[in-house]
């Protein structure tokens, strides 16, 4: 029992450090955020911070990976049996996934990370590449796998699942994400997000119907 408590405390502290690092990076920028600054804000020892993360790049990678887990984990795989899966099941998968994506990318902290990376991308291309692979690309590839399976089951007619997944992601974001990044629009309500995702799913399924 004691060892379980220690693991739990360790994970909690690790997550706290990630939140502190994310706030510092958003506020100061990636280039201007040092490990010493994170240590100072965390009121922790260097030993504690470096025990969890070897550098700030590793911290940012885990921040992005953790953020993308919401949409990825929201995907309930289709029944892969030959007579399994249905149009309604795929629609629900897309709906739940779509809501998770928009809830994530419309969040203030996520928007802050996007703005920071856009601003510093030319000076640190390896960071933006890591962000793209661990965040948007990971989510798109995850739903593409379900679209490929759905196509093989005859639920939809999709020749290129990755392209179809990218189209669906674009439908979800539309102009709202850019408007939020620019700060010229308020975030939609949860009901508005749900209504928009439902419409996207309907349009997407119609475009790829068998």
Protein backbone atom coordinates (compact mmCIF):
# COMPACT_ATOMS: atom_id res chain seq x y z
CA UNK A 1 0.00 0.00 0.00
CA UNK A 2 2.80 2.40 0.89
CA UNK A 3 4.51 1.90 -2.49
CA UNK A 4 1.20 2.60 -4.28
CA UNK A 5 0.87 5.89 -2.38
CA UNK A 6 4.40 6.87 -3.36
CA UNK A 7 3.68 6.19 -7.05
CA UNK A 8 0.45 8.18 -6.82
CA UNK A 9 2.22 11.14 -5.22
CA UNK A 10 4.96 10.95 -7.81
CA UNK A 11 2.50 11.04 -10.69
CA UNK A 12 0.63 13.91 -9.08
CA UNK A 13 3.83 15.91 -8.68
CA UNK A 14 4.84 15.12 -12.25
CA UNK A 15 1.52 16.45 -13.55
CA UNK A 16 1.90 19.57 -11.41
CA UNK A 17 5.32 20.18 -12.93
CA UNK A 18 3.87 19.81 -16.43
CA UNK A 19 1.16 22.37 -15.68
CA UNK A 20 3.72 24.80 -14.29
CA UNK A 21 5.96 24.27 -17.32
CA UNK A 22 3.04 24.78 -19.73
CA UNK A 23 2.08 28.06 -18.06
CA UNK A 24 5.68 29.29 -18.13
CA UNK A 25 6.17 28.36 -21.79
CA UNK A 26 2.91 30.06 -22.79
CA UNK A 27 3.76 33.20 -20.82
CA UNK A 28 7.47 33.54 -21.64
CA UNK A 29 7.80 31.57 -24.87
CA UNK A 30 9.70 28.33 -25.33
CA UNK A 31 13.08 29.94 -25.98
CA UNK A 32 12.84 32.18 -22.92
CA UNK A 33 11.72 29.43 -20.54
CA UNK A 34 14.61 27.75 -18.80
CA UNK A 35 14.58 24.70 -16.59
CA UNK A 36 15.76 26.98 -13.79
CA UNK A 37 12.63 29.11 -14.26
CA UNK A 38 10.43 26.01 -14.07
CA UNK A 39 12.26 24.88 -10.94
CA UNK A 40 11.75 28.34 -9.40
CA UNK A 41 8.04 28.43 -10.18
CA UNK A 42 7.55 24.89 -8.94
CA UNK A 43 9.39 25.68 -5.71
CA UNK A 44 11.10 22.36 -6.15
CA UNK A 45 14.67 21.16 -6.19
CA UNK A 46 16.48 20.61 -9.47
CA UNK A 47 16.84 16.98 -8.48
CA UNK A 48 13.06 16.58 -8.29
CA UNK A 49 12.43 18.19 -11.67
CA UNK A 50 15.25 16.39 -13.47
CA UNK A 51 14.17 13.08 -11.98
CA UNK A 52 11.00 13.37 -14.06
CA UNK A 53 12.27 15.24 -17.13
CA UNK A 54 15.72 15.47 -18.68
CA UNK A 55 15.04 18.86 -20.31
CA UNK A 56 12.28 21.29 -21.27
CA UNK A 57 11.90 19.70 -24.70
CA UNK A 58 10.92 16.46 -22.98
CA UNK A 59 8.48 18.41 -20.83
CA UNK A 60 6.84 20.06 -23.84
CA UNK A 61 6.60 16.72 -25.65
CA UNK A 62 4.78 15.18 -22.69
CA UNK A 63 2.51 18.21 -22.34
CA UNK A 64 1.42 17.84 -25.97
CA UNK A 65 1.14 14.05 -25.73
CA UNK A 66 -1.05 14.32 -22.63
CA UNK A 67 -3.28 16.91 -24.30
CA UNK A 68 -3.85 14.72 -27.35
CA UNK A 69 -4.81 11.73 -25.21
CA UNK A 70 -8.33 13.10 -24.72
CA UNK A 71 -9.42 12.78 -28.36
CA UNK A 72 -7.44 9.57 -28.91
CA UNK A 73 -8.83 7.82 -25.83
CA UNK A 74 -12.35 8.97 -26.72
CA UNK A 75 -12.34 6.60 -29.70
CA UNK A 76 -14.27 3.42 -29.02
CA UNK A 77 -13.08 1.05 -31.77
CA UNK A 78 -15.56 -0.33 -34.26
CA UNK A 79 -16.48 -3.98 -34.01
CA UNK A 80 -14.00 -5.50 -36.46
CA UNK A 81 -15.94 -8.73 -37.02
CA UNK A 82 -17.11 -9.26 -40.56
CA UNK A 83 -20.74 -8.72 -39.58
CA UNK A 84 -19.89 -6.12 -36.93
CA UNK A 85 -19.97 -2.34 -36.95
CA UNK A 86 -22.73 -0.10 -38.22
CA UNK A 87 -23.31 3.35 -39.66
CA UNK A 88 -24.78 4.50 -36.34
CA UNK A 89 -21.77 3.20 -34.46
CA UNK A 90 -19.36 5.08 -36.71
CA UNK A 91 -21.42 8.25 -36.43
CA UNK A 92 -21.23 8.06 -32.64
CA UNK A 93 -17.46 7.45 -32.76
CA UNK A 94 -17.00 10.51 -34.96
CA UNK A 95 -19.30 12.60 -32.76
CA UNK A 96 -17.56 11.74 -29.48
CA UNK A 97 -14.14 12.19 -31.09
CA UNK A 98 -15.14 15.51 -32.66
CA UNK A 99 -16.40 16.91 -29.37
CA UNK A 100 -13.18 15.85 -27.64
CA UNK A 101 -11.08 17.52 -30.34
CA UNK A 102 -12.92 20.84 -30.23
CA UNK A 103 -13.11 20.92 -26.44
CA UNK A 104 -9.34 20.48 -26.42
CA UNK A 105 -8.31 22.94 -29.13
CA UNK A 106 -10.70 25.64 -27.89
CA UNK A 107 -9.24 25.46 -24.38
CA UNK A 108 -7.29 28.57 -23.34
CA UNK A 109 -4.12 26.66 -22.46
CA UNK A 110 -4.12 24.76 -25.74
CA UNK A 111 -4.68 27.97 -27.69
CA UNK A 112 -1.79 29.52 -25.79
CA UNK A 113 0.50 26.66 -26.81
CA UNK A 114 -0.57 26.99 -30.45
CA UNK A 115 0.14 30.73 -30.44
CA UNK A 116 3.53 30.21 -28.83
CA UNK A 117 4.53 27.51 -31.31
CA UNK A 118 3.37 29.53 -34.31
CA UNK A 119 5.43 32.47 -33.07
CA UNK A 120 8.57 30.45 -32.39
CA UNK A 121 8.28 27.76 -35.05
CA UNK A 122 10.79 29.31 -37.45
CA UNK A 123 13.42 29.44 -34.70
CA UNK A 124 12.74 25.97 -33.32
CA UNK A 125 11.34 23.81 -36.13
CA UNK A 126 12.09 20.58 -34.25
CA UNK A 127 9.71 21.69 -31.50
CA UNK A 128 6.85 22.46 -33.88
CA UNK A 129 7.45 19.19 -35.72
CA UNK A 130 7.23 17.31 -32.43
CA UNK A 131 4.03 19.18 -31.55
CA UNK A 132 2.48 18.32 -34.90
CA UNK A 133 3.38 14.63 -34.68
CA UNK A 134 2.31 14.16 -31.05
CA UNK A 135 -0.79 16.34 -31.29
CA UNK A 136 -2.76 16.94 -34.51
CA UNK A 137 -1.15 14.13 -36.51
CA UNK A 138 -1.68 11.58 -33.74
CA UNK A 139 -5.37 12.45 -33.45
CA UNK A 140 -5.90 12.40 -37.22
CA UNK A 141 -4.15 9.05 -37.62
CA UNK A 142 -6.19 7.53 -34.79
CA UNK A 143 -9.53 8.38 -36.39
CA UNK A 144 -8.16 7.41 -39.83
CA UNK A 145 -7.69 3.86 -38.52
CA UNK A 146 -11.39 3.69 -37.69
CA UNK A 147 -12.34 5.09 -41.09
CA UNK A 148 -10.19 2.48 -42.79
CA UNK A 149 -11.90 -0.26 -40.79
CA UNK A 150 -15.33 1.22 -41.51
CA UNK A 151 -14.55 1.23 -45.22
CA UNK A 152 -13.41 -2.40 -45.13
CA UNK A 153 -16.71 -3.29 -43.41
CA UNK A 154 -18.69 -1.52 -46.13
CA UNK A 155 -20.04 1.19 -43.82
CA UNK A 156 -18.51 4.01 -45.87
CA UNK A 157 -16.66 4.25 -49.17
CA UNK A 158 -13.25 5.74 -48.38
CA UNK A 159 -10.25 5.14 -50.60
CA UNK A 160 -7.75 7.23 -48.64
CA UNK A 161 -8.53 7.15 -44.88
CA UNK A 162 -5.78 9.61 -43.87
CA UNK A 163 -7.08 12.19 -46.35
CA UNK A 164 -10.66 11.63 -45.23
CA UNK A 165 -9.63 12.02 -41.58
CA UNK A 166 -7.83 15.28 -42.39
CA UNK A 167 -10.96 16.54 -44.16
CA UNK A 168 -13.07 15.69 -41.12
CA UNK A 169 -10.63 17.52 -38.84
CA UNK A 170 -10.82 20.55 -41.11
CA UNK A 171 -14.61 20.47 -41.02
CA UNK A 172 -14.50 20.45 -37.24
CA UNK A 173 -12.10 23.38 -36.94
CA UNK A 174 -13.57 25.46 -39.78
CA UNK A 175 -12.74 29.18 -39.30
CA UNK A 176 -13.50 29.14 -35.58
CA UNK A 177 -10.12 27.79 -34.52
CA UNK A 178 -8.25 30.48 -36.46
CA UNK A 179 -10.57 33.17 -35.08
CA UNK A 180 -9.86 31.98 -31.54
CA UNK A 181 -6.11 31.91 -32.17
CA UNK A 182 -6.33 35.51 -33.38
CA UNK A 183 -8.50 36.47 -30.42
CA UNK A 184 -11.30 37.87 -32.57
CA UNK A 185 -14.03 35.50 -31.42
CA UNK A 186 -15.30 34.04 -28.16
CA UNK A 187 -15.19 30.29 -27.64
CA UNK A 188 -18.41 28.43 -28.58
CA UNK A 189 -20.56 26.98 -25.83
CA UNK A 190 -20.67 23.23 -25.25
CA UNK A 191 -24.08 23.12 -26.92
CA UNK A 192 -22.78 25.01 -29.94
CA UNK A 193 -19.85 22.60 -30.16
CA UNK A 194 -22.20 19.60 -30.01
CA UNK A 195 -24.50 21.03 -32.69
CA UNK A 196 -21.56 21.82 -34.96
CA UNK A 197 -20.02 18.37 -34.55
CA UNK A 198 -23.37 16.68 -35.29
CA UNK A 199 -23.64 18.65 -38.52
CA UNK A 200 -20.06 17.80 -39.47
CA UNK A 201 -20.74 14.10 -38.91
CA UNK A 202 -23.90 14.22 -41.03
CA UNK A 203 -22.12 16.01 -43.89
CA UNK A 204 -19.08 13.74 -43.67
CA UNK A 205 -21.12 10.54 -43.70
CA UNK A 206 -23.17 11.78 -46.64
CA UNK A 207 -20.00 12.58 -48.60
CA UNK A 208 -18.63 9.07 -48.09
CA UNK A 209 -21.83 7.04 -48.08
CA UNK A 210 -21.79 3.69 -49.82
